[in-house]
Amino acid sequence: QVQLIESGGGLVQPGGSLRLSCTASGRTFNTLGMGWFRQAPGKEREFVAGINWSGLITFVKDAVKGRFTISKDNAKNTVYLQMNSLKREDTAVYYCAADPAGRGLDMREYDYWGQGTQVTVSS
């Protein structure tokens, strides 16, 4: 089992920045692929960014490429999502997830989920 706790969500104006954090416990963190998903009201959950076990291979959804960065600190058991130049359409509940296979790039391999943190982009 893997327990995931997200933090860092909130209300931000368009063009602003937020950094989401997710701390994992219950399994050796440096073997896990990690990712961030989001779900806006009335929409399906979508895969925003993923990172492999080593932190050296990443995926970022086209719609956020150049604005969002995923990173992983194995010493702190934490994965981050740095979000810059936020837009209203980024408003959603953001979920952290863990991939026990370690690859982090295939949304079908994510088995563990956090509770989610709300990000609202509004003026």
C-alpha atoms as a PDB file:
ATOM      1  CA  GLN A   1       0.000   0.000   0.000  1.00  0.00           C
ATOM      2  CA  VAL A   2       1.008   3.561  -0.711  1.00  0.00           C
ATOM      3  CA  GLN A   3      -0.437   6.565   1.094  1.00  0.00           C
ATOM      4  CA  LEU A   4      -0.357   9.902  -0.687  1.00  0.00           C
ATOM      5  CA  ILE A   5      -0.983  13.327   0.789  1.00  0.00           C
ATOM      6  CA  GLU A   6      -1.250  16.372  -1.464  1.00  0.00           C
ATOM      7  CA  SER A   7      -0.848  20.006  -0.508  1.00  0.00           C
ATOM      8  CA  GLY A   8      -0.415  23.374  -2.143  1.00  0.00           C
ATOM      9  CA  GLY A   9      -3.730  23.960  -3.874  1.00  0.00           C
ATOM     10  CA  GLY A  10      -5.699  27.173  -3.569  1.00  0.00           C
ATOM     11  CA  LEU A  11      -7.058  30.222  -5.323  1.00  0.00           C
ATOM     12  CA  VAL A  12      -4.788  32.083  -7.725  1.00  0.00           C
ATOM     13  CA  GLN A  13      -5.303  34.791 -10.318  1.00  0.00           C
ATOM     14  CA  PRO A  14      -4.780  34.088 -14.017  1.00  0.00           C
ATOM     15  CA  GLY A  15      -1.099  34.283 -14.821  1.00  0.00           C
ATOM     16  CA  GLY A  16      -0.129  33.297 -11.311  1.00  0.00           C
ATOM     17  CA  SER A  17       1.774  30.299  -9.998  1.00  0.00           C
ATOM     18  CA  LEU A  18       1.262  27.455  -7.559  1.00  0.00           C
ATOM     19  CA  ARG A  19       3.368  24.507  -6.517  1.00  0.00           C
ATOM     20  CA  LEU A  20       1.632  21.285  -5.583  1.00  0.00           C
ATOM     21  CA  SER A  21       3.393  18.769  -3.361  1.00  0.00           C
ATOM     22  CA  CYS A  22       2.628  15.133  -2.714  1.00  0.00           C
ATOM     23  CA  THR A  23       4.330  13.109  -0.012  1.00  0.00           C
ATOM     24  CA  ALA A  24       4.233   9.332  -0.155  1.00  0.00           C
ATOM     25  CA  SER A  25       4.604   6.665   2.493  1.00  0.00           C
ATOM     26  CA  GLY A  26       4.241   2.920   2.711  1.00  0.00           C
ATOM     27  CA  ARG A  27       6.620   1.861  -0.032  1.00  0.00           C
ATOM     28  CA  THR A  28      10.140   2.703  -1.109  1.00  0.00           C
ATOM     29  CA  PHE A  29       9.580   5.976  -2.897  1.00  0.00           C
ATOM     30  CA  ASN A  30      12.520   5.675  -5.261  1.00  0.00           C
ATOM     31  CA  THR A  31      10.891   2.665  -6.942  1.00  0.00           C
ATOM     32  CA  LEU A  32       7.656   4.489  -7.727  1.00  0.00           C
ATOM     33  CA  GLY A  33       6.633   6.344 -10.827  1.00  0.00           C
ATOM     34  CA  MET A  34       4.571   9.363  -9.825  1.00  0.00           C
ATOM     35  CA  GLY A  35       2.043  11.516 -11.575  1.00  0.00           C
ATOM     36  CA  TRP A  36      -0.496  14.276 -11.401  1.00  0.00           C
ATOM     37  CA  PHE A  37      -4.018  14.055 -12.762  1.00  0.00           C
ATOM     38  CA  ARG A  38      -6.819  16.593 -12.719  1.00  0.00           C
ATOM     39  CA  GLN A  39     -10.566  16.594 -12.985  1.00  0.00           C
ATOM     40  CA  ALA A  40     -12.661  19.647 -13.749  1.00  0.00           C
ATOM     41  CA  PRO A  41     -16.402  19.758 -13.044  1.00  0.00           C
ATOM     42  CA  GLY A  42     -18.316  17.751 -15.625  1.00  0.00           C
ATOM     43  CA  LYS A  43     -15.160  16.430 -17.263  1.00  0.00           C
ATOM     44  CA  GLU A  44     -13.200  13.210 -17.146  1.00  0.00           C
ATOM     45  CA  ARG A  45     -10.026  12.871 -15.151  1.00  0.00           C
ATOM     46  CA  GLU A  46      -7.007  13.618 -17.307  1.00  0.00           C
ATOM     47  CA  PHE A  47      -3.318  12.779 -17.022  1.00  0.00           C
ATOM     48  CA  VAL A  48      -1.384  16.018 -16.618  1.00  0.00           C
ATOM     49  CA  ALA A  49       2.189  14.941 -15.900  1.00  0.00           C
ATOM     50  CA  GLY A  50       4.188  11.851 -14.981  1.00  0.00           C
ATOM     51  CA  ILE A  51       7.714  11.034 -13.885  1.00  0.00           C
ATOM     52  CA  ASN A  52       9.584   7.763 -13.678  1.00  0.00           C
ATOM     53  CA  TRP A  53      11.152   6.224 -10.597  1.00  0.00           C
ATOM     54  CA  SER A  54      14.519   7.928 -11.086  1.00  0.00           C
ATOM     55  CA  GLY A  55      13.073  11.324 -11.888  1.00  0.00           C
ATOM     56  CA  LEU A  56      14.957  11.433 -15.173  1.00  0.00           C
ATOM     57  CA  ILE A  57      12.072  10.737 -17.570  1.00  0.00           C
ATOM     58  CA  THR A  58       8.983  12.907 -17.596  1.00  0.00           C
ATOM     59  CA  PHE A  59       5.751  13.393 -19.486  1.00  0.00           C
ATOM     60  CA  VAL A  60       3.716  16.593 -19.590  1.00  0.00           C
ATOM     61  CA  LYS A  61       0.381  17.006 -21.320  1.00  0.00           C
ATOM     62  CA  ASP A  62       0.528  19.248 -24.393  1.00  0.00           C
ATOM     63  CA  ALA A  63      -1.983  21.729 -22.985  1.00  0.00           C
ATOM     64  CA  VAL A  64       0.340  22.549 -20.079  1.00  0.00           C
ATOM     65  CA  LYS A  65       3.726  22.056 -21.718  1.00  0.00           C
ATOM     66  CA  GLY A  66       6.003  24.997 -21.062  1.00  0.00           C
ATOM     67  CA  ARG A  67       3.904  26.037 -18.045  1.00  0.00           C
ATOM     68  CA  PHE A  68       3.907  22.990 -15.754  1.00  0.00           C
ATOM     69  CA  THR A  69       6.927  21.068 -14.519  1.00  0.00           C
ATOM     70  CA  ILE A  70       6.956  17.797 -12.608  1.00  0.00           C
ATOM     71  CA  SER A  71       9.848  16.845 -10.382  1.00  0.00           C
ATOM     72  CA  LYS A  72      10.636  14.189  -7.813  1.00  0.00           C
ATOM     73  CA  ASP A  73      12.780  14.332  -4.684  1.00  0.00           C
ATOM     74  CA  ASN A  74      13.502  10.776  -3.614  1.00  0.00           C
ATOM     75  CA  ALA A  75      15.225  11.934  -0.437  1.00  0.00           C
ATOM     76  CA  LYS A  76      12.034  13.671   0.709  1.00  0.00           C
ATOM     77  CA  ASN A  77       9.548  11.099  -0.653  1.00  0.00           C
ATOM     78  CA  THR A  78       7.869  13.966  -2.463  1.00  0.00           C
ATOM     79  CA  VAL A  79       6.752  14.784  -5.979  1.00  0.00           C
ATOM     80  CA  TYR A  80       6.028  18.325  -7.089  1.00  0.00           C
ATOM     81  CA  LEU A  81       4.013  20.000  -9.793  1.00  0.00           C
ATOM     82  CA  GLN A  82       5.159  23.540 -10.452  1.00  0.00           C
ATOM     83  CA  MET A  83       2.399  25.402 -12.266  1.00  0.00           C
ATOM     84  CA  ASN A  84       3.162  28.768 -13.872  1.00  0.00           C
ATOM     85  CA  SER A  85       1.142  31.099 -16.098  1.00  0.00           C
ATOM     86  CA  LEU A  86      -2.061  29.532 -14.818  1.00  0.00           C
ATOM     87  CA  LYS A  87      -5.211  29.859 -16.894  1.00  0.00           C
ATOM     88  CA  ARG A  88      -8.863  29.631 -15.927  1.00  0.00           C
ATOM     89  CA  GLU A  89      -9.087  26.316 -17.734  1.00  0.00           C
ATOM     90  CA  ASP A  90      -6.529  24.864 -15.309  1.00  0.00           C
ATOM     91  CA  THR A  91      -9.175  25.005 -12.591  1.00  0.00           C
ATOM     92  CA  ALA A  92      -9.733  21.475 -11.314  1.00  0.00           C
ATOM     93  CA  VAL A  93      -9.152  19.053  -8.477  1.00  0.00           C
ATOM     94  CA  TYR A  94      -5.581  17.826  -8.825  1.00  0.00           C
ATOM     95  CA  TYR A  95      -4.742  14.285  -7.764  1.00  0.00           C
ATOM     96  CA  CYS A  96      -1.377  12.767  -7.022  1.00  0.00           C
ATOM     97  CA  ALA A  97      -0.934   9.137  -7.999  1.00  0.00           C
ATOM     98  CA  ALA A  98       1.684   6.403  -7.738  1.00  0.00           C
ATOM     99  CA  ASP A  99       2.720   3.819 -10.301  1.00  0.00           C
ATOM    100  CA  PRO A 100       4.270   0.763  -8.620  1.00  0.00           C
ATOM    101  CA  ALA A 101       5.793  -0.358 -11.917  1.00  0.00           C
ATOM    102  CA  GLY A 102       8.020   2.704 -11.739  1.00  0.00           C
ATOM    103  CA  ARG A 103       7.624   3.968 -15.279  1.00  0.00           C
ATOM    104  CA  GLY A 104       5.209   6.788 -14.491  1.00  0.00           C
ATOM    105  CA  LEU A 105       4.323   7.449 -18.112  1.00  0.00           C
ATOM    106  CA  ASP A 106       1.304   5.206 -18.683  1.00  0.00           C
ATOM    107  CA  MET A 107      -1.867   6.405 -16.995  1.00  0.00           C
ATOM    108  CA  ARG A 108      -3.166   2.833 -16.870  1.00  0.00           C
ATOM    109  CA  GLU A 109      -0.408   1.786 -14.460  1.00  0.00           C
ATOM    110  CA  TYR A 110      -1.366   4.119 -11.637  1.00  0.00           C
ATOM    111  CA  ASP A 111      -2.782   2.163  -8.713  1.00  0.00           C
ATOM    112  CA  TYR A 112      -2.636   4.527  -5.745  1.00  0.00           C
ATOM    113  CA  TRP A 113      -4.337   7.880  -5.396  1.00  0.00           C
ATOM    114  CA  GLY A 114      -4.383  10.842  -3.077  1.00  0.00           C
ATOM    115  CA  GLN A 115      -7.507  12.646  -1.948  1.00  0.00           C
ATOM    116  CA  GLY A 116      -7.022  15.580  -4.281  1.00  0.00           C
ATOM    117  CA  THR A 117      -6.407  19.273  -3.843  1.00  0.00           C
ATOM    118  CA  GLN A 118      -8.491  22.044  -5.368  1.00  0.00           C
ATOM    119  CA  VAL A 119      -6.861  24.555  -7.706  1.00  0.00           C
ATOM    120  CA  THR A 120      -9.006  27.511  -8.701  1.00  0.00           C
ATOM    121  CA  VAL A 121      -7.785  30.076 -11.215  1.00  0.00           C
ATOM    122  CA  SER A 122      -9.971  33.146 -11.061  1.00  0.00           C
ATOM    123  CA  SER A 123      -9.777  36.902 -10.838  1.00  0.00           C
END
